[in-house]
Amino acid sequence: MTGGRLGGLVPRNHSGPAVARLFHALLALAFLDAWLSLGVQLHVLIGSRGLLPIAPFLARARHQLSFADFPTLLWLGAGDVTLAAGVLVGVALSIVALFGIYPRVVCALEVVLYLSFTTAARTFTSFQWDNLLLECAFFAIF
């Protein structure tokens, strides 16, 4: 259907997949930046000797909050090694997504992991930047 009334509405070069790949790559770069930035600060902020250590907070909150109230995978363990491992997994996922390997699956995993860390970091990650990154990644799944 190149002629007629709809001729100008039909894409000519089918650029959709290329644009999607570019979007996922740029989102992966944003996540990589976020993970590296968080990794540098994480132990000082919520580590065992941080300003607001997460492990004692979760121990106190265990009987008052549920996963739905405080969505973080750190309920399973919140030691310094776990925090560092989580950041390394986030960096690895970002690099995998940067190379275009299963970008939607990686976005889903990044949303769950980054939400876990932003929830755990409480005050320190309550910026619009973190919320927008999570929202973009959530919609990139679809």
C-alpha atoms as a PDB file:
ATOM      1  CA  MET A   1       0.000   0.000   0.000  1.00  0.00           C
ATOM      2  CA  THR A   2       2.400   2.667  -1.104  1.00  0.00           C
ATOM      3  CA  GLY A   3      -0.135   4.827  -2.895  1.00  0.00           C
ATOM      4  CA  GLY A   4      -3.548   6.113  -2.032  1.00  0.00           C
ATOM      5  CA  ARG A   5      -4.749   7.764   1.134  1.00  0.00           C
ATOM      6  CA  LEU A   6      -2.716   5.703   3.617  1.00  0.00           C
ATOM      7  CA  GLY A   7       0.546   5.894   1.687  1.00  0.00           C
ATOM      8  CA  GLY A   8       1.983   8.583   3.969  1.00  0.00           C
ATOM      9  CA  LEU A   9       1.026   6.725   7.162  1.00  0.00           C
ATOM     10  CA  VAL A  10       2.748   3.416   6.432  1.00  0.00           C
ATOM     11  CA  PRO A  11       6.381   3.365   7.598  1.00  0.00           C
ATOM     12  CA  ARG A  12       8.769   2.972   4.724  1.00  0.00           C
ATOM     13  CA  ASN A  13      11.894   1.680   6.373  1.00  0.00           C
ATOM     14  CA  HIS A  14      10.469  -0.260   9.352  1.00  0.00           C
ATOM     15  CA  SER A  15      12.688   1.560  11.846  1.00  0.00           C
ATOM     16  CA  GLY A  16      10.725   0.354  14.902  1.00  0.00           C
ATOM     17  CA  PRO A  17      13.079  -2.495  15.859  1.00  0.00           C
ATOM     18  CA  ALA A  18      16.135  -0.239  15.465  1.00  0.00           C
ATOM     19  CA  VAL A  19      14.569   2.418  17.667  1.00  0.00           C
ATOM     20  CA  ALA A  20      13.649  -0.207  20.276  1.00  0.00           C
ATOM     21  CA  ARG A  21      17.249  -1.506  20.305  1.00  0.00           C
ATOM     22  CA  LEU A  22      18.560   2.030  20.719  1.00  0.00           C
ATOM     23  CA  PHE A  23      16.114   2.737  23.549  1.00  0.00           C
ATOM     24  CA  HIS A  24      17.076  -0.463  25.390  1.00  0.00           C
ATOM     25  CA  ALA A  25      20.790   0.311  24.935  1.00  0.00           C
ATOM     26  CA  LEU A  26      20.400   3.834  26.289  1.00  0.00           C
ATOM     27  CA  LEU A  27      18.313   2.536  29.186  1.00  0.00           C
ATOM     28  CA  ALA A  28      21.061   0.003  29.904  1.00  0.00           C
ATOM     29  CA  LEU A  29      23.593   2.854  30.010  1.00  0.00           C
ATOM     30  CA  ALA A  30      21.379   4.765  32.440  1.00  0.00           C
ATOM     31  CA  PHE A  31      21.116   1.671  34.644  1.00  0.00           C
ATOM     32  CA  LEU A  32      24.857   1.109  34.465  1.00  0.00           C
ATOM     33  CA  ASP A  33      25.414   4.669  35.643  1.00  0.00           C
ATOM     34  CA  ALA A  34      22.852   4.231  38.427  1.00  0.00           C
ATOM     35  CA  TRP A  35      24.390   0.952  39.637  1.00  0.00           C
ATOM     36  CA  LEU A  36      27.932   2.323  39.594  1.00  0.00           C
ATOM     37  CA  SER A  37      26.843   5.440  41.458  1.00  0.00           C
ATOM     38  CA  LEU A  38      24.899   3.417  44.019  1.00  0.00           C
ATOM     39  CA  GLY A  39      27.757   0.952  44.410  1.00  0.00           C
ATOM     40  CA  VAL A  40      30.183   3.682  45.400  1.00  0.00           C
ATOM     41  CA  GLN A  41      27.844   4.995  48.104  1.00  0.00           C
ATOM     42  CA  LEU A  42      25.957   1.913  49.248  1.00  0.00           C
ATOM     43  CA  HIS A  43      28.088   0.797  52.183  1.00  0.00           C
ATOM     44  CA  VAL A  44      28.314   4.326  53.548  1.00  0.00           C
ATOM     45  CA  LEU A  45      24.561   4.760  53.297  1.00  0.00           C
ATOM     46  CA  ILE A  46      22.929   1.420  54.229  1.00  0.00           C
ATOM     47  CA  GLY A  47      25.837  -0.925  54.942  1.00  0.00           C
ATOM     48  CA  SER A  48      26.470  -2.400  58.391  1.00  0.00           C
ATOM     49  CA  ARG A  49      28.360   0.738  59.448  1.00  0.00           C
ATOM     50  CA  GLY A  50      26.395   3.135  57.271  1.00  0.00           C
ATOM     51  CA  LEU A  51      24.274   6.139  58.132  1.00  0.00           C
ATOM     52  CA  LEU A  52      21.005   4.114  58.028  1.00  0.00           C
ATOM     53  CA  PRO A  53      22.019   0.435  58.164  1.00  0.00           C
ATOM     54  CA  ILE A  54      19.412  -1.718  56.468  1.00  0.00           C
ATOM     55  CA  ALA A  55      19.940  -5.009  58.333  1.00  0.00           C
ATOM     56  CA  PRO A  56      18.915  -3.718  61.800  1.00  0.00           C
ATOM     57  CA  PHE A  57      16.024  -1.804  60.243  1.00  0.00           C
ATOM     58  CA  LEU A  58      14.683  -4.959  58.582  1.00  0.00           C
ATOM     59  CA  ALA A  59      15.160  -6.958  61.780  1.00  0.00           C
ATOM     60  CA  ARG A  60      13.024  -4.447  63.708  1.00  0.00           C
ATOM     61  CA  ALA A  61      10.457  -4.075  60.932  1.00  0.00           C
ATOM     62  CA  ARG A  62      10.051  -7.796  60.216  1.00  0.00           C
ATOM     63  CA  HIS A  63       6.943  -8.078  62.415  1.00  0.00           C
ATOM     64  CA  GLN A  64       5.401  -4.773  61.332  1.00  0.00           C
ATOM     65  CA  LEU A  65       6.000  -4.599  57.575  1.00  0.00           C
ATOM     66  CA  SER A  66       5.391  -7.076  54.783  1.00  0.00           C
ATOM     67  CA  PHE A  67       6.991  -7.390  51.384  1.00  0.00           C
ATOM     68  CA  ALA A  68       4.059  -5.398  49.962  1.00  0.00           C
ATOM     69  CA  ASP A  69       4.761  -2.571  52.431  1.00  0.00           C
ATOM     70  CA  PHE A  70       8.515  -2.576  51.880  1.00  0.00           C
ATOM     71  CA  PRO A  71       9.311  -4.291  48.544  1.00  0.00           C
ATOM     72  CA  THR A  72      12.908  -5.410  48.725  1.00  0.00           C
ATOM     73  CA  LEU A  73      14.705  -8.666  48.146  1.00  0.00           C
ATOM     74  CA  LEU A  74      16.954  -7.712  51.052  1.00  0.00           C
ATOM     75  CA  TRP A  75      14.392  -9.307  53.388  1.00  0.00           C
ATOM     76  CA  LEU A  76      16.256 -12.501  52.448  1.00  0.00           C
ATOM     77  CA  GLY A  77      19.584 -11.094  53.645  1.00  0.00           C
ATOM     78  CA  ALA A  78      21.053  -7.633  53.993  1.00  0.00           C
ATOM     79  CA  GLY A  79      24.715  -8.077  54.869  1.00  0.00           C
ATOM     80  CA  ASP A  80      27.508  -6.079  53.289  1.00  0.00           C
ATOM     81  CA  VAL A  81      28.432  -8.978  51.004  1.00  0.00           C
ATOM     82  CA  THR A  82      24.822  -9.245  49.814  1.00  0.00           C
ATOM     83  CA  LEU A  83      24.715  -5.516  49.095  1.00  0.00           C
ATOM     84  CA  ALA A  84      27.935  -5.673  47.084  1.00  0.00           C
ATOM     85  CA  ALA A  85      26.765  -8.784  45.222  1.00  0.00           C
ATOM     86  CA  GLY A  86      23.468  -7.105  44.358  1.00  0.00           C
ATOM     87  CA  VAL A  87      25.266  -4.129  42.853  1.00  0.00           C
ATOM     88  CA  LEU A  88      27.561  -6.432  40.869  1.00  0.00           C
ATOM     89  CA  VAL A  89      24.536  -8.321  39.532  1.00  0.00           C
ATOM     90  CA  GLY A  90      22.957  -4.992  38.567  1.00  0.00           C
ATOM     91  CA  VAL A  91      26.111  -3.917  36.725  1.00  0.00           C
ATOM     92  CA  ALA A  92      26.291  -7.286  34.955  1.00  0.00           C
ATOM     93  CA  LEU A  93      22.637  -7.071  33.919  1.00  0.00           C
ATOM     94  CA  SER A  94      23.214  -3.577  32.546  1.00  0.00           C
ATOM     95  CA  ILE A  95      26.149  -4.778  30.468  1.00  0.00           C
ATOM     96  CA  VAL A  96      24.140  -7.734  29.166  1.00  0.00           C
ATOM     97  CA  ALA A  97      21.320  -5.372  28.172  1.00  0.00           C
ATOM     98  CA  LEU A  98      23.806  -3.012  26.559  1.00  0.00           C
ATOM     99  CA  PHE A  99      24.766  -5.814  24.187  1.00  0.00           C
ATOM    100  CA  GLY A 100      21.095  -6.376  23.365  1.00  0.00           C
ATOM    101  CA  ILE A 101      20.796  -9.815  24.947  1.00  0.00           C
ATOM    102  CA  TYR A 102      17.198 -10.394  26.074  1.00  0.00           C
ATOM    103  CA  PRO A 103      16.618  -6.695  26.817  1.00  0.00           C
ATOM    104  CA  ARG A 104      13.043  -7.104  28.052  1.00  0.00           C
ATOM    105  CA  VAL A 105      13.902  -9.919  30.432  1.00  0.00           C
ATOM    106  CA  VAL A 106      16.880  -7.936  31.690  1.00  0.00           C
ATOM    107  CA  CYS A 107      14.649  -4.880  32.191  1.00  0.00           C
ATOM    108  CA  ALA A 108      12.300  -6.965  34.322  1.00  0.00           C
ATOM    109  CA  LEU A 109      15.191  -8.230  36.435  1.00  0.00           C
ATOM    110  CA  GLU A 110      16.645  -4.728  36.739  1.00  0.00           C
ATOM    111  CA  VAL A 111      13.300  -3.342  37.912  1.00  0.00           C
ATOM    112  CA  VAL A 112      13.042  -5.938  40.661  1.00  0.00           C
ATOM    113  CA  LEU A 113      16.659  -5.531  41.766  1.00  0.00           C
ATOM    114  CA  TYR A 114      16.843  -1.740  41.561  1.00  0.00           C
ATOM    115  CA  LEU A 115      13.478  -1.390  43.311  1.00  0.00           C
ATOM    116  CA  SER A 116      14.868  -3.592  46.074  1.00  0.00           C
ATOM    117  CA  PHE A 117      17.849  -1.314  46.542  1.00  0.00           C
ATOM    118  CA  THR A 118      16.001   1.978  46.227  1.00  0.00           C
ATOM    119  CA  THR A 119      13.451   0.780  48.763  1.00  0.00           C
ATOM    120  CA  ALA A 120      16.205  -0.315  51.142  1.00  0.00           C
ATOM    121  CA  ALA A 121      18.126   2.932  50.761  1.00  0.00           C
ATOM    122  CA  ARG A 122      14.965   4.808  51.770  1.00  0.00           C
ATOM    123  CA  THR A 123      15.782   8.519  52.105  1.00  0.00           C
ATOM    124  CA  PHE A 124      18.897   8.346  49.956  1.00  0.00           C
ATOM    125  CA  THR A 125      17.118   7.203  46.799  1.00  0.00           C
ATOM    126  CA  SER A 126      13.853   9.075  47.024  1.00  0.00           C
ATOM    127  CA  PHE A 127      14.684  11.300  44.077  1.00  0.00           C
ATOM    128  CA  GLN A 128      12.704  11.644  40.862  1.00  0.00           C
ATOM    129  CA  TRP A 129      15.668  10.185  38.979  1.00  0.00           C
ATOM    130  CA  ASP A 130      15.302   6.802  40.653  1.00  0.00           C
ATOM    131  CA  ASN A 131      11.533   6.697  40.169  1.00  0.00           C
ATOM    132  CA  LEU A 132      11.762   7.681  36.506  1.00  0.00           C
ATOM    133  CA  LEU A 133      14.407   5.055  35.860  1.00  0.00           C
ATOM    134  CA  LEU A 134      12.193   2.389  37.406  1.00  0.00           C
ATOM    135  CA  GLU A 135       9.146   3.578  35.450  1.00  0.00           C
ATOM    136  CA  CYS A 136      11.003   3.625  32.128  1.00  0.00           C
ATOM    137  CA  ALA A 137      12.395   0.157  32.746  1.00  0.00           C
ATOM    138  CA  PHE A 138       8.985  -1.168  33.760  1.00  0.00           C
ATOM    139  CA  PHE A 139       7.411   0.083  30.534  1.00  0.00           C
ATOM    140  CA  ALA A 140      10.394  -1.162  28.509  1.00  0.00           C
ATOM    141  CA  ILE A 141       9.449  -4.688  29.544  1.00  0.00           C
ATOM    142  CA  PHE A 142       6.407  -4.421  27.302  1.00  0.00           C
END
